[in-house]
């Protein structure tokens, strides 16, 4: 089980990403549009830099839905390999056969 503080920090980042998504996208659009004047693009890049760092989607980290583990994460299942193994062993995943000898 991951530390509660790390899980809560990740939740806070997710909320910030959601909150600033539209504003960030609009500013990025201005910065990347070469038909706009250079001064306007520069002002937009400064505004983009003033946004909270944790509002960037790049700073999000995939975590297991069950345990909060940050490593060995299966994107399709949204759980870690350890949680997958436990669920597979207990027969809670349909179609998964786990062999043990």
C-alpha atoms as a PDB file:
ATOM      1  CA  UNK A   1       0.000   0.000   0.000  1.00  0.00           C
ATOM      2  CA  UNK A   2       1.363   3.400  -0.995  1.00  0.00           C
ATOM      3  CA  UNK A   3       1.717   6.237   1.488  1.00  0.00           C
ATOM      4  CA  UNK A   4      -1.546   8.118   1.964  1.00  0.00           C
ATOM      5  CA  UNK A   5       0.223  11.435   1.476  1.00  0.00           C
ATOM      6  CA  UNK A   6       1.459  10.408  -1.969  1.00  0.00           C
ATOM      7  CA  UNK A   7      -1.997   9.240  -3.032  1.00  0.00           C
ATOM      8  CA  UNK A   8      -3.534  12.515  -1.819  1.00  0.00           C
ATOM      9  CA  UNK A   9      -0.823  14.539  -3.579  1.00  0.00           C
ATOM     10  CA  UNK A  10      -1.660  12.730  -6.813  1.00  0.00           C
ATOM     11  CA  UNK A  11      -5.367  13.477  -6.332  1.00  0.00           C
ATOM     12  CA  UNK A  12      -4.505  17.147  -5.823  1.00  0.00           C
ATOM     13  CA  UNK A  13      -2.509  17.145  -9.071  1.00  0.00           C
ATOM     14  CA  UNK A  14      -5.420  15.537 -10.932  1.00  0.00           C
ATOM     15  CA  UNK A  15      -7.764  18.261  -9.651  1.00  0.00           C
ATOM     16  CA  UNK A  16      -5.336  21.012 -10.734  1.00  0.00           C
ATOM     17  CA  UNK A  17      -4.918  19.464 -14.186  1.00  0.00           C
ATOM     18  CA  UNK A  18      -8.680  19.366 -14.621  1.00  0.00           C
ATOM     19  CA  UNK A  19      -9.111  22.921 -13.315  1.00  0.00           C
ATOM     20  CA  UNK A  20      -6.521  24.539 -15.607  1.00  0.00           C
ATOM     21  CA  UNK A  21      -6.913  22.305 -18.691  1.00  0.00           C
ATOM     22  CA  UNK A  22      -8.890  24.788 -20.819  1.00  0.00           C
ATOM     23  CA  UNK A  23      -6.747  27.793 -19.871  1.00  0.00           C
ATOM     24  CA  UNK A  24      -3.537  25.862 -20.542  1.00  0.00           C
ATOM     25  CA  UNK A  25      -4.822  24.603 -23.911  1.00  0.00           C
ATOM     26  CA  UNK A  26      -5.823  28.126 -24.988  1.00  0.00           C
ATOM     27  CA  UNK A  27      -2.415  29.548 -24.052  1.00  0.00           C
ATOM     28  CA  UNK A  28      -0.588  26.713 -25.813  1.00  0.00           C
ATOM     29  CA  UNK A  29      -2.673  27.359 -28.924  1.00  0.00           C
ATOM     30  CA  UNK A  30      -1.573  31.009 -28.941  1.00  0.00           C
ATOM     31  CA  UNK A  31       2.084  30.103 -28.350  1.00  0.00           C
ATOM     32  CA  UNK A  32       2.169  27.572 -31.180  1.00  0.00           C
ATOM     33  CA  UNK A  33       0.270  29.757 -33.686  1.00  0.00           C
ATOM     34  CA  UNK A  34       2.981  31.323 -35.873  1.00  0.00           C
ATOM     35  CA  UNK A  35       0.564  33.732 -37.555  1.00  0.00           C
ATOM     36  CA  UNK A  36       0.244  35.696 -34.279  1.00  0.00           C
ATOM     37  CA  UNK A  37       2.738  38.476 -33.501  1.00  0.00           C
ATOM     38  CA  UNK A  38       5.827  37.486 -31.538  1.00  0.00           C
ATOM     39  CA  UNK A  39       4.984  39.783 -28.598  1.00  0.00           C
ATOM     40  CA  UNK A  40       1.570  38.200 -28.120  1.00  0.00           C
ATOM     41  CA  UNK A  41       3.067  34.713 -28.273  1.00  0.00           C
ATOM     42  CA  UNK A  42       5.716  35.696 -25.728  1.00  0.00           C
ATOM     43  CA  UNK A  43       3.070  37.139 -23.371  1.00  0.00           C
ATOM     44  CA  UNK A  44       1.104  33.912 -23.670  1.00  0.00           C
ATOM     45  CA  UNK A  45       4.194  31.861 -22.830  1.00  0.00           C
ATOM     46  CA  UNK A  46       4.779  34.018 -19.730  1.00  0.00           C
ATOM     47  CA  UNK A  47       1.170  33.469 -18.640  1.00  0.00           C
ATOM     48  CA  UNK A  48       1.625  29.756 -19.230  1.00  0.00           C
ATOM     49  CA  UNK A  49       4.719  29.793 -17.017  1.00  0.00           C
ATOM     50  CA  UNK A  50       2.758  31.515 -14.224  1.00  0.00           C
ATOM     51  CA  UNK A  51       0.256  28.659 -14.011  1.00  0.00           C
ATOM     52  CA  UNK A  52       0.908  26.128 -11.229  1.00  0.00           C
ATOM     53  CA  UNK A  53       3.445  23.490 -12.223  1.00  0.00           C
ATOM     54  CA  UNK A  54       1.210  20.704 -10.972  1.00  0.00           C
ATOM     55  CA  UNK A  55      -1.514  21.813 -13.390  1.00  0.00           C
ATOM     56  CA  UNK A  56       0.466  20.238 -16.232  1.00  0.00           C
ATOM     57  CA  UNK A  57      -0.771  16.773 -17.258  1.00  0.00           C
ATOM     58  CA  UNK A  58       2.838  15.630 -17.698  1.00  0.00           C
ATOM     59  CA  UNK A  59       3.306  15.661 -13.932  1.00  0.00           C
ATOM     60  CA  UNK A  60       0.594  13.050 -13.329  1.00  0.00           C
ATOM     61  CA  UNK A  61       1.753   9.552 -12.465  1.00  0.00           C
ATOM     62  CA  UNK A  62      -0.277   6.403 -13.056  1.00  0.00           C
ATOM     63  CA  UNK A  63      -1.157   4.664  -9.811  1.00  0.00           C
ATOM     64  CA  UNK A  64      -2.889   1.389  -8.993  1.00  0.00           C
ATOM     65  CA  UNK A  65      -6.586   1.939  -8.207  1.00  0.00           C
ATOM     66  CA  UNK A  66      -6.490  -0.617  -5.386  1.00  0.00           C
ATOM     67  CA  UNK A  67      -3.162  -0.028  -3.659  1.00  0.00           C
ATOM     68  CA  UNK A  68      -1.815   3.261  -5.016  1.00  0.00           C
ATOM     69  CA  UNK A  69       1.402   1.594  -6.182  1.00  0.00           C
ATOM     70  CA  UNK A  70       3.175   3.789  -8.786  1.00  0.00           C
ATOM     71  CA  UNK A  71       5.302   1.111 -10.481  1.00  0.00           C
ATOM     72  CA  UNK A  72       4.415  -2.010 -12.511  1.00  0.00           C
ATOM     73  CA  UNK A  73       1.097  -0.471 -13.604  1.00  0.00           C
ATOM     74  CA  UNK A  74      -1.090  -2.020 -16.303  1.00  0.00           C
ATOM     75  CA  UNK A  75      -2.826   0.857 -18.104  1.00  0.00           C
ATOM     76  CA  UNK A  76      -5.588  -1.271 -19.557  1.00  0.00           C
ATOM     77  CA  UNK A  77      -6.591  -2.635 -16.143  1.00  0.00           C
ATOM     78  CA  UNK A  78      -5.570   0.409 -14.057  1.00  0.00           C
ATOM     79  CA  UNK A  79      -4.006  -1.843 -11.413  1.00  0.00           C
ATOM     80  CA  UNK A  80      -0.491  -2.939 -10.515  1.00  0.00           C
ATOM     81  CA  UNK A  81       1.013  -6.346 -11.242  1.00  0.00           C
ATOM     82  CA  UNK A  82       0.791  -7.321  -7.580  1.00  0.00           C
ATOM     83  CA  UNK A  83      -2.912  -6.456  -7.340  1.00  0.00           C
ATOM     84  CA  UNK A  84      -3.489  -8.308 -10.622  1.00  0.00           C
ATOM     85  CA  UNK A  85      -1.745 -11.385  -9.236  1.00  0.00           C
ATOM     86  CA  UNK A  86      -3.797 -11.298  -6.026  1.00  0.00           C
ATOM     87  CA  UNK A  87      -7.087 -10.911  -7.904  1.00  0.00           C
ATOM     88  CA  UNK A  88      -6.088 -13.642 -10.358  1.00  0.00           C
ATOM     89  CA  UNK A  89      -5.180 -16.031  -7.538  1.00  0.00           C
ATOM     90  CA  UNK A  90      -8.516 -15.502  -5.832  1.00  0.00           C
ATOM     91  CA  UNK A  91     -10.410 -16.023  -9.120  1.00  0.00           C
ATOM     92  CA  UNK A  92     -11.934 -12.545  -9.294  1.00  0.00           C
ATOM     93  CA  UNK A  93     -10.790 -11.844 -12.869  1.00  0.00           C
ATOM     94  CA  UNK A  94     -12.940 -13.699 -15.428  1.00  0.00           C
ATOM     95  CA  UNK A  95     -10.948 -15.693 -17.968  1.00  0.00           C
ATOM     96  CA  UNK A  96      -7.676 -15.492 -16.073  1.00  0.00           C
ATOM     97  CA  UNK A  97      -6.158 -18.817 -15.133  1.00  0.00           C
ATOM     98  CA  UNK A  98      -3.198 -18.668 -12.775  1.00  0.00           C
ATOM     99  CA  UNK A  99      -1.120 -21.776 -12.477  1.00  0.00           C
ATOM    100  CA  UNK A 100       0.768 -22.709  -9.355  1.00  0.00           C
ATOM    101  CA  UNK A 101       2.715 -25.910  -8.807  1.00  0.00           C
END
